Structure formats: C-alpha cells, structure tokens
C-alpha atoms as a PDB file:
ATOM      1  CA  MET A   1     -11.731  -8.296 -27.189  1.00  0.00           C
ATOM      2  CA  PRO A   2     -14.501  -7.265 -25.105  1.00  0.00           C
ATOM      3  CA  ALA A   3     -17.176  -9.398 -23.391  1.00  0.00           C
ATOM      4  CA  VAL A   4     -19.708  -8.666 -26.044  1.00  0.00           C
ATOM      5  CA  LEU A   5     -20.758 -11.646 -27.816  1.00  0.00           C
ATOM      6  CA  PRO A   6     -19.207 -11.749 -31.396  1.00  0.00           C
ATOM      7  CA  GLU A   7     -22.813 -12.736 -32.864  1.00  0.00           C
ATOM      8  CA  ASP A   8     -23.979  -9.461 -31.078  1.00  0.00           C
ATOM      9  CA  LEU A   9     -21.344  -7.503 -32.749  1.00  0.00           C
ATOM     10  CA  ALA A  10     -21.797  -9.330 -35.982  1.00  0.00           C
ATOM     11  CA  GLN A  11     -25.278  -7.791 -36.102  1.00  0.00           C
ATOM     12  CA  PHE A  12     -23.846  -4.482 -36.788  1.00  0.00           C
ATOM     13  CA  ASP A  13     -21.697  -5.367 -39.772  1.00  0.00           C
ATOM     14  CA  TRP A  14     -23.987  -2.680 -41.669  1.00  0.00           C
ATOM     15  CA  VAL A  15     -22.300  -0.076 -39.931  1.00  0.00           C
ATOM     16  CA  ALA A  16     -19.019  -0.667 -41.462  1.00  0.00           C
ATOM     17  CA  ARG A  17     -20.506  -0.799 -44.812  1.00  0.00           C
ATOM     18  CA  SER A  18     -22.501   2.433 -44.193  1.00  0.00           C
ATOM     19  CA  SER A  19     -21.208   5.660 -45.893  1.00  0.00           C
ATOM     20  CA  ARG A  20     -23.423   7.635 -43.576  1.00  0.00           C
ATOM     21  CA  PRO A  21     -22.641   9.597 -40.554  1.00  0.00           C
ATOM     22  CA  LEU A  22     -23.065   7.591 -37.052  1.00  0.00           C
ATOM     23  CA  ILE A  23     -24.650   8.738 -34.026  1.00  0.00           C
ATOM     24  CA  VAL A  24     -23.890   6.487 -31.155  1.00  0.00           C
ATOM     25  CA  CYS A  25     -25.998   7.400 -27.921  1.00  0.00           C
ATOM     26  CA  ASP A  26     -25.991   6.092 -24.197  1.00  0.00           C
ATOM     27  CA  VAL A  27     -29.554   5.290 -22.664  1.00  0.00           C
ATOM     28  CA  ASP A  28     -29.780   6.035 -19.045  1.00  0.00           C
ATOM     29  CA  GLU A  29     -29.997   9.665 -18.231  1.00  0.00           C
ATOM     30  CA  VAL A  30     -29.751  10.382 -22.063  1.00  0.00           C
ATOM     31  CA  VAL A  31     -32.486   8.877 -23.686  1.00  0.00           C
ATOM     32  CA  LEU A  32     -34.266   7.538 -20.724  1.00  0.00           C
ATOM     33  CA  GLU A  33     -34.818   9.064 -17.139  1.00  0.00           C
ATOM     34  CA  PHE A  34     -32.660   7.329 -14.625  1.00  0.00           C
ATOM     35  CA  VAL A  35     -31.928   9.302 -11.741  1.00  0.00           C
ATOM     36  CA  THR A  36     -35.285  10.637 -11.118  1.00  0.00           C
ATOM     37  CA  PRO A  37     -37.507   7.462 -11.214  1.00  0.00           C
ATOM     38  CA  PHE A  38     -34.663   5.649  -9.364  1.00  0.00           C
ATOM     39  CA  ILE A  39     -35.150   8.161  -6.561  1.00  0.00           C
ATOM     40  CA  ALA A  40     -39.057   7.315  -6.881  1.00  0.00           C
ATOM     41  CA  TYR A  41     -38.232   3.470  -6.890  1.00  0.00           C
ATOM     42  CA  LEU A  42     -35.954   3.824  -3.611  1.00  0.00           C
ATOM     43  CA  GLU A  43     -38.669   5.813  -1.764  1.00  0.00           C
ATOM     44  CA  ASN A  44     -40.980   2.966  -2.702  1.00  0.00           C
ATOM     45  CA  LYS A  45     -38.573   0.747  -0.976  1.00  0.00           C
ATOM     46  CA  GLY A  46     -38.275   3.005   2.244  1.00  0.00           C
ATOM     47  CA  LEU A  47     -34.946   4.424   0.806  1.00  0.00           C
ATOM     48  CA  GLU A  48     -33.716   7.696   0.300  1.00  0.00           C
ATOM     49  CA  LEU A  49     -30.907   9.267  -2.193  1.00  0.00           C
ATOM     50  CA  ARG A  50     -29.389  12.065  -0.526  1.00  0.00           C
ATOM     51  CA  PRO A  51     -26.879  13.271  -3.379  1.00  0.00           C
ATOM     52  CA  SER A  52     -23.602  14.815  -2.082  1.00  0.00           C
ATOM     53  CA  SER A  53     -21.323  13.645  -4.749  1.00  0.00           C
ATOM     54  CA  PHE A  54     -21.848  12.270  -8.390  1.00  0.00           C
ATOM     55  CA  ARG A  55     -22.400   8.770  -7.336  1.00  0.00           C
ATOM     56  CA  LEU A  56     -25.152   6.586  -6.089  1.00  0.00           C
ATOM     57  CA  HIS A  57     -23.035   4.304  -3.946  1.00  0.00           C
ATOM     58  CA  GLY A  58     -22.387   6.152  -0.540  1.00  0.00           C
ATOM     59  CA  ASN A  59     -25.422   8.390  -0.672  1.00  0.00           C
ATOM     60  CA  VAL A  60     -28.303   6.225  -0.032  1.00  0.00           C
ATOM     61  CA  CYS A  61     -29.897   5.857   3.344  1.00  0.00           C
ATOM     62  CA  ARG A  62     -33.043   4.482   5.133  1.00  0.00           C
ATOM     63  CA  ARG A  63     -35.774   6.866   5.332  1.00  0.00           C
ATOM     64  CA  ASP A  64     -36.608   5.823   9.083  1.00  0.00           C
ATOM     65  CA  ASP A  65     -33.517   6.451  10.681  1.00  0.00           C
ATOM     66  CA  GLY A  66     -30.912   7.755   8.298  1.00  0.00           C
ATOM     67  CA  THR A  67     -28.737   4.650   8.385  1.00  0.00           C
ATOM     68  CA  PRO A  68     -26.376   4.662   5.316  1.00  0.00           C
ATOM     69  CA  VAL A  69     -27.232   1.585   2.976  1.00  0.00           C
ATOM     70  CA  SER A  70     -24.330  -0.514   1.953  1.00  0.00           C
ATOM     71  CA  ASP A  71     -22.696  -0.571  -1.528  1.00  0.00           C
ATOM     72  CA  ARG A  72     -23.749  -4.099  -1.911  1.00  0.00           C
ATOM     73  CA  ASP A  73     -27.480  -3.299  -1.140  1.00  0.00           C
ATOM     74  CA  ILE A  74     -27.382  -0.403  -3.403  1.00  0.00           C
ATOM     75  CA  SER A  75     -25.935  -2.613  -6.248  1.00  0.00           C
ATOM     76  CA  ALA A  76     -28.632  -4.913  -5.698  1.00  0.00           C
ATOM     77  CA  SER A  77     -31.450  -2.195  -5.821  1.00  0.00           C
ATOM     78  CA  ILE A  78     -29.888  -1.077  -9.289  1.00  0.00           C
ATOM     79  CA  GLU A  79     -30.168  -4.556 -10.262  1.00  0.00           C
ATOM     80  CA  ALA A  80     -33.804  -4.686  -9.345  1.00  0.00           C
ATOM     81  CA  PHE A  81     -34.549  -1.578 -10.717  1.00  0.00           C
ATOM     82  CA  PHE A  82     -33.295  -2.668 -14.198  1.00  0.00           C
ATOM     83  CA  VAL A  83     -35.396  -5.735 -13.887  1.00  0.00           C
ATOM     84  CA  GLU A  84     -38.676  -3.405 -13.433  1.00  0.00           C
ATOM     85  CA  GLN A  85     -37.499  -0.517 -15.720  1.00  0.00           C
ATOM     86  CA  HIS A  86     -40.641  -0.679 -18.021  1.00  0.00           C
ATOM     87  CA  ASP A  87     -42.622   0.494 -14.793  1.00  0.00           C
ATOM     88  CA  TRP A  88     -40.388   3.229 -13.782  1.00  0.00           C
ATOM     89  CA  GLN A  89     -38.366   4.888 -16.477  1.00  0.00           C
ATOM     90  CA  THR A  90     -39.805   7.399 -19.016  1.00  0.00           C
ATOM     91  CA  PRO A  91     -38.175   9.149 -22.011  1.00  0.00           C
ATOM     92  CA  VAL A  92     -36.135  12.284 -21.651  1.00  0.00           C
ATOM     93  CA  ALA A  93     -37.750  15.140 -22.838  1.00  0.00           C
ATOM     94  CA  SER A  94     -37.426  15.557 -26.588  1.00  0.00           C
ATOM     95  CA  ALA A  95     -35.275  12.806 -26.861  1.00  0.00           C
ATOM     96  CA  ALA A  96     -37.592  10.610 -29.327  1.00  0.00           C
ATOM     97  CA  GLU A  97     -38.598  13.643 -31.123  1.00  0.00           C
ATOM     98  CA  THR A  98     -35.014  14.658 -31.839  1.00  0.00           C
ATOM     99  CA  LEU A  99     -33.680  11.477 -32.596  1.00  0.00           C
ATOM    100  CA  ALA A 100     -36.652  11.065 -35.177  1.00  0.00           C
ATOM    101  CA  VAL A 101     -35.114  14.339 -36.876  1.00  0.00           C
ATOM    102  CA  LEU A 102     -31.411  13.109 -36.626  1.00  0.00           C
ATOM    103  CA  LYS A 103     -32.141   9.561 -38.430  1.00  0.00           C
ATOM    104  CA  HIS A 104     -32.560  11.481 -41.759  1.00  0.00           C
ATOM    105  CA  HIS A 105     -29.068  12.788 -41.283  1.00  0.00           C
ATOM    106  CA  ALA A 106     -27.185   9.668 -40.016  1.00  0.00           C
ATOM    107  CA  ASP A 107     -27.418   6.101 -38.555  1.00  0.00           C
ATOM    108  CA  ILE A 108     -28.402   5.689 -35.021  1.00  0.00           C
ATOM    109  CA  VAL A 109     -27.252   3.141 -32.513  1.00  0.00           C
ATOM    110  CA  PHE A 110     -28.043   2.938 -28.883  1.00  0.00           C
ATOM    111  CA  LEU A 111     -24.812   1.684 -26.772  1.00  0.00           C
ATOM    112  CA  THR A 112     -26.392   1.195 -23.309  1.00  0.00           C
ATOM    113  CA  ALA A 113     -24.115   0.507 -20.189  1.00  0.00           C
ATOM    114  CA  MET A 114     -26.279  -2.397 -18.568  1.00  0.00           C
ATOM    115  CA  PRO A 115     -25.835  -6.238 -18.127  1.00  0.00           C
ATOM    116  CA  PRO A 116     -26.892  -7.636 -21.196  1.00  0.00           C
ATOM    117  CA  ARG A 117     -29.423 -10.025 -19.488  1.00  0.00           C
ATOM    118  CA  HIS A 118     -31.537  -6.997 -19.316  1.00  0.00           C
ATOM    119  CA  PHE A 119     -31.502  -6.282 -23.014  1.00  0.00           C
ATOM    120  CA  ALA A 120     -35.024  -7.714 -23.822  1.00  0.00           C
ATOM    121  CA  VAL A 121     -36.682  -5.357 -21.128  1.00  0.00           C
ATOM    122  CA  ARG A 122     -35.008  -2.312 -22.260  1.00  0.00           C
ATOM    123  CA  ARG A 123     -35.330  -3.145 -25.942  1.00  0.00           C
ATOM    124  CA  ALA A 124     -39.227  -3.475 -25.342  1.00  0.00           C
ATOM    125  CA  LEU A 125     -39.177  -0.095 -23.290  1.00  0.00           C
ATOM    126  CA  LEU A 126     -37.533   1.916 -25.968  1.00  0.00           C
ATOM    127  CA  ASP A 127     -39.601   0.334 -28.842  1.00  0.00           C
ATOM    128  CA  ALA A 128     -42.570   1.523 -26.851  1.00  0.00           C
ATOM    129  CA  HIS A 129     -41.641   4.923 -26.926  1.00  0.00           C
ATOM    130  CA  ASP A 130     -40.975   4.910 -30.812  1.00  0.00           C
ATOM    131  CA  MET A 131     -37.158   4.640 -30.325  1.00  0.00           C
ATOM    132  CA  SER A 132     -36.574   1.503 -32.248  1.00  0.00           C
ATOM    133  CA  TYR A 133     -32.846   1.984 -33.125  1.00  0.00           C
ATOM    134  CA  PRO A 134     -30.468  -0.598 -33.048  1.00  0.00           C
ATOM    135  CA  MET A 135     -29.042  -1.406 -29.524  1.00  0.00           C
ATOM    136  CA  ILE A 136     -25.894  -2.922 -27.803  1.00  0.00           C
ATOM    137  CA  ALA A 137     -26.129  -3.489 -24.130  1.00  0.00           C
ATOM    138  CA  THR A 138     -22.717  -4.098 -22.550  1.00  0.00           C
ATOM    139  CA  GLU A 139     -20.810  -3.321 -19.444  1.00  0.00           C
ATOM    140  CA  ASP A 140     -17.496  -3.037 -21.442  1.00  0.00           C
ATOM    141  CA  GLU A 141     -15.384  -0.047 -22.251  1.00  0.00           C
ATOM    142  CA  LYS A 142     -17.668   2.184 -24.594  1.00  0.00           C
ATOM    143  CA  GLY A 143     -14.679   3.277 -26.754  1.00  0.00           C
ATOM    144  CA  THR A 144     -13.491  -0.197 -27.557  1.00  0.00           C
ATOM    145  CA  VAL A 145     -17.083  -1.494 -28.484  1.00  0.00           C
ATOM    146  CA  LEU A 146     -17.746   1.698 -30.487  1.00  0.00           C
ATOM    147  CA  HIS A 147     -14.470   1.370 -32.392  1.00  0.00           C
ATOM    148  CA  LEU A 148     -15.350  -2.456 -33.156  1.00  0.00           C
ATOM    149  CA  ILE A 149     -18.563  -1.648 -35.006  1.00  0.00           C
ATOM    150  CA  HIS A 150     -17.432   1.563 -36.668  1.00  0.00           C
ATOM    151  CA  GLY A 151     -13.931   0.327 -37.726  1.00  0.00           C
ATOM    152  CA  ASP A 152     -11.750   2.829 -39.425  1.00  0.00           C
ATOM    153  CA  ARG A 153     -14.391   4.319 -41.549  1.00  0.00           C
ATOM    154  CA  ASP A 154     -13.687   8.079 -42.937  1.00  0.00           C
ATOM    155  CA  THR A 155     -17.107   9.080 -41.862  1.00  0.00           C
ATOM    156  CA  LYS A 156     -18.198  11.326 -38.959  1.00  0.00           C
ATOM    157  CA  VAL A 157     -19.068   9.771 -35.779  1.00  0.00           C
ATOM    158  CA  VAL A 158     -21.111  11.480 -32.634  1.00  0.00           C
ATOM    159  CA  PHE A 159     -21.075  10.089 -29.237  1.00  0.00           C
ATOM    160  CA  ILE A 160     -23.409  11.348 -26.570  1.00  0.00           C
ATOM    161  CA  ASP A 161     -23.198  10.084 -23.019  1.00  0.00           C
ATOM    162  CA  ASP A 162     -23.505  11.548 -19.127  1.00  0.00           C
ATOM    163  CA  ILE A 163     -20.419   9.932 -17.952  1.00  0.00           C
ATOM    164  CA  PHE A 164     -17.057  11.374 -18.464  1.00  0.00           C
ATOM    165  CA  HIS A 165     -14.821   8.405 -18.601  1.00  0.00           C
ATOM    166  CA  ASN A 166     -17.460   7.020 -21.288  1.00  0.00           C
ATOM    167  CA  LEU A 167     -16.725  10.036 -23.384  1.00  0.00           C
ATOM    168  CA  HIS A 168     -12.914   9.801 -22.753  1.00  0.00           C
ATOM    169  CA  SER A 169     -12.631   6.111 -23.861  1.00  0.00           C
ATOM    170  CA  VAL A 170     -14.283   7.095 -27.149  1.00  0.00           C
ATOM    171  CA  ARG A 171     -12.014   9.986 -27.459  1.00  0.00           C
ATOM    172  CA  ASP A 172      -9.142   7.964 -26.923  1.00  0.00           C
ATOM    173  CA  ARG A 173     -10.290   5.493 -29.823  1.00  0.00           C
ATOM    174  CA  LEU A 174     -11.956   8.037 -32.248  1.00  0.00           C
ATOM    175  CA  PRO A 175     -10.328  11.296 -31.648  1.00  0.00           C
ATOM    176  CA  ASN A 176     -12.406  13.040 -34.372  1.00  0.00           C
ATOM    177  CA  ALA A 177     -15.831  12.145 -33.142  1.00  0.00           C
ATOM    178  CA  LEU A 178     -18.064  14.858 -31.843  1.00  0.00           C
ATOM    179  CA  LEU A 179     -18.372  14.018 -27.961  1.00  0.00           C
ATOM    180  CA  ILE A 180     -21.677  15.402 -26.327  1.00  0.00           C
ATOM    181  CA  ASN A 181     -22.134  15.157 -22.299  1.00  0.00           C
ATOM    182  CA  LEU A 182     -25.745  15.254 -21.591  1.00  0.00           C
ATOM    183  CA  MET A 183     -27.480  14.308 -18.640  1.00  0.00           C
ATOM    184  CA  ALA A 184     -31.333  14.849 -17.730  1.00  0.00           C
ATOM    185  CA  ASN A 185     -31.255  15.091 -13.695  1.00  0.00           C
ATOM    186  CA  ASP A 186     -30.446  18.518 -12.701  1.00  0.00           C
ATOM    187  CA  THR A 187     -29.055  17.675  -9.319  1.00  0.00           C
ATOM    188  CA  PHE A 188     -26.447  15.318 -10.549  1.00  0.00           C
ATOM    189  CA  ARG A 189     -25.674  17.409 -13.583  1.00  0.00           C
ATOM    190  CA  ALA A 190     -24.522  20.137 -10.817  1.00  0.00           C
ATOM    191  CA  LEU A 191     -22.448  17.722  -9.129  1.00  0.00           C
ATOM    192  CA  ALA A 192     -20.774  16.024 -12.089  1.00  0.00           C
ATOM    193  CA  PRO A 193     -17.140  16.890 -12.711  1.00  0.00           C
ATOM    194  CA  HIS A 194     -16.037  18.687 -15.779  1.00  0.00           C
ATOM    195  CA  PRO A 195     -16.255  16.118 -18.794  1.00  0.00           C
ATOM    196  CA  GLY A 196     -12.736  17.248 -19.945  1.00  0.00           C
ATOM    197  CA  GLU A 197     -11.059  18.652 -23.187  1.00  0.00           C
ATOM    198  CA  LYS A 198     -12.873  18.117 -26.536  1.00  0.00           C
ATOM    199  CA  VAL A 199     -16.208  17.314 -25.035  1.00  0.00           C
ATOM    200  CA  ALA A 200     -19.161  19.556 -25.725  1.00  0.00           C
ATOM    201  CA  MET A 201     -21.802  20.099 -22.844  1.00  0.00           C
ATOM    202  CA  ALA A 202     -25.583  20.228 -23.785  1.00  0.00           C
ATOM    203  CA  LYS A 203     -28.203  20.852 -21.273  1.00  0.00           C
ATOM    204  CA  ASP A 204     -31.106  19.209 -23.335  1.00  0.00           C
ATOM    205  CA  TRP A 205     -31.865  17.605 -26.515  1.00  0.00           C
ATOM    206  CA  ASN A 206     -32.536  21.067 -28.300  1.00  0.00           C
ATOM    207  CA  GLU A 207     -28.889  21.927 -27.864  1.00  0.00           C
ATOM    208  CA  THR A 208     -27.720  18.556 -28.782  1.00  0.00           C
ATOM    209  CA  ARG A 209     -29.538  18.542 -31.938  1.00  0.00           C
ATOM    210  CA  ASP A 210     -27.835  22.054 -32.804  1.00  0.00           C
ATOM    211  CA  LEU A 211     -24.609  20.688 -31.795  1.00  0.00           C
ATOM    212  CA  ILE A 212     -24.967  17.470 -33.920  1.00  0.00           C
ATOM    213  CA  LEU A 213     -26.273  19.057 -37.325  1.00  0.00           C
ATOM    214  CA  GLU A 214     -23.644  21.973 -37.108  1.00  0.00           C
ATOM    215  CA  PHE A 215     -20.942  19.179 -36.915  1.00  0.00           C
ATOM    216  CA  LEU A 216     -22.561  17.102 -39.612  1.00  0.00           C
ATOM    217  CA  GLU A 217     -22.933  19.997 -41.993  1.00  0.00           C
ATOM    218  CA  ASN A 218     -19.371  21.519 -41.531  1.00  0.00           C
END
C-alpha cells in the first residue's frame, strides 16, 4: 500500500463507480509550466540552470563563478519553489482550454508528483486558472496509485506525463491505457530519453487532444 493516506484515496471512490472513461494527468510540465519558471526562480537566487542532461540535479551552478550547486541545495530550491509556486507557475499553453473540452468525454483527475504538504497551494493555483479537477498529490509510484483508484473497471484510461518511468509504471499496471508523453519545455524535451514502447508522444495540447479523442472514439 502506498504512502497516500487511505482517506485521500477514499475521496476517489466515485471513480470506481463511474462508467465514464478516465483521463489522469500529471501537473508539472504538463498542465503547469515548471522548468521555465524554475529557471527564473533560480536566476532570482543568483543561480543558473545549464542543462546538459535530462535532470535538474548536477545541472545548476552559481551565476557569479560557475560553481556547481550540490544536490542537497538543488532539492532545497525545489522545495522552496513549491512553497512559492503560486508566484511563479502558469498554465501550459492550451491546457485549461483542452481539458474543458475533454471533460465532456471523460472524468479527469490530476495526479501530481509532489509532497502532499504542498497540496493546498497547488490546489489554489489550479483553481485560479479554472482547472478545478480532483487531484492527488503524492511521491508514490503513479501506476500503483492509478490502479488503486481505477480498480479493474472495463473502461478506457488515458495517462499523460512528462517522465518516462511514470508512464512505464502505469503501463505495467494498466497495459490497455493510452499513455501520452507531453512536456512543455522544449530544451528538456529534446534531452529526454525516448519514452519507450506503447507510449505516444505529443508536442503540445492540440496533439494530445487529438490522440485522446481518437482513442475514446474507437
């Protein structure tokens, strides 16, 4: 059983009772910009992201002398950024508009990979941008969490994420799900490894919408 609190999952009992398809969507880099505002946040702190690989750790240095920043300090910066996310993060282009269309075709749930202690701040930020869909904030394996809320229903499932191991964990638990790899930041998307078999790749929310509607209609 994952570390997601049972009472949190109990709030999603309605999913198992629904006969509608389910769209489960990551938040950072999928619904909300993350990399671009995090770069601005680091610059405001005298730091700089110089991406040479598909990760934040090991790619941040001090702007004045180029000294690498330790993994511990980068993790602390990410934590501080989440605390202040409402001042930095904005919606990915067309995300809110596309979800407003898709909600007529399926139930929508956000599954965001972040410490649950930041739930309230993220909830308020999404609500402010007209994306008030139910949300789970967890650092647990997404495939496990999704399987727990979806159960063994014979209904179509779509999962959208920017990180390949999250997509793979859902593929292992729900092999018939439509898996879509979507990432807003062009630089990091170019550095990302191929998401692997049975994962569709979309460059934006327009392509994502078309993939989902085709899947749901067939």
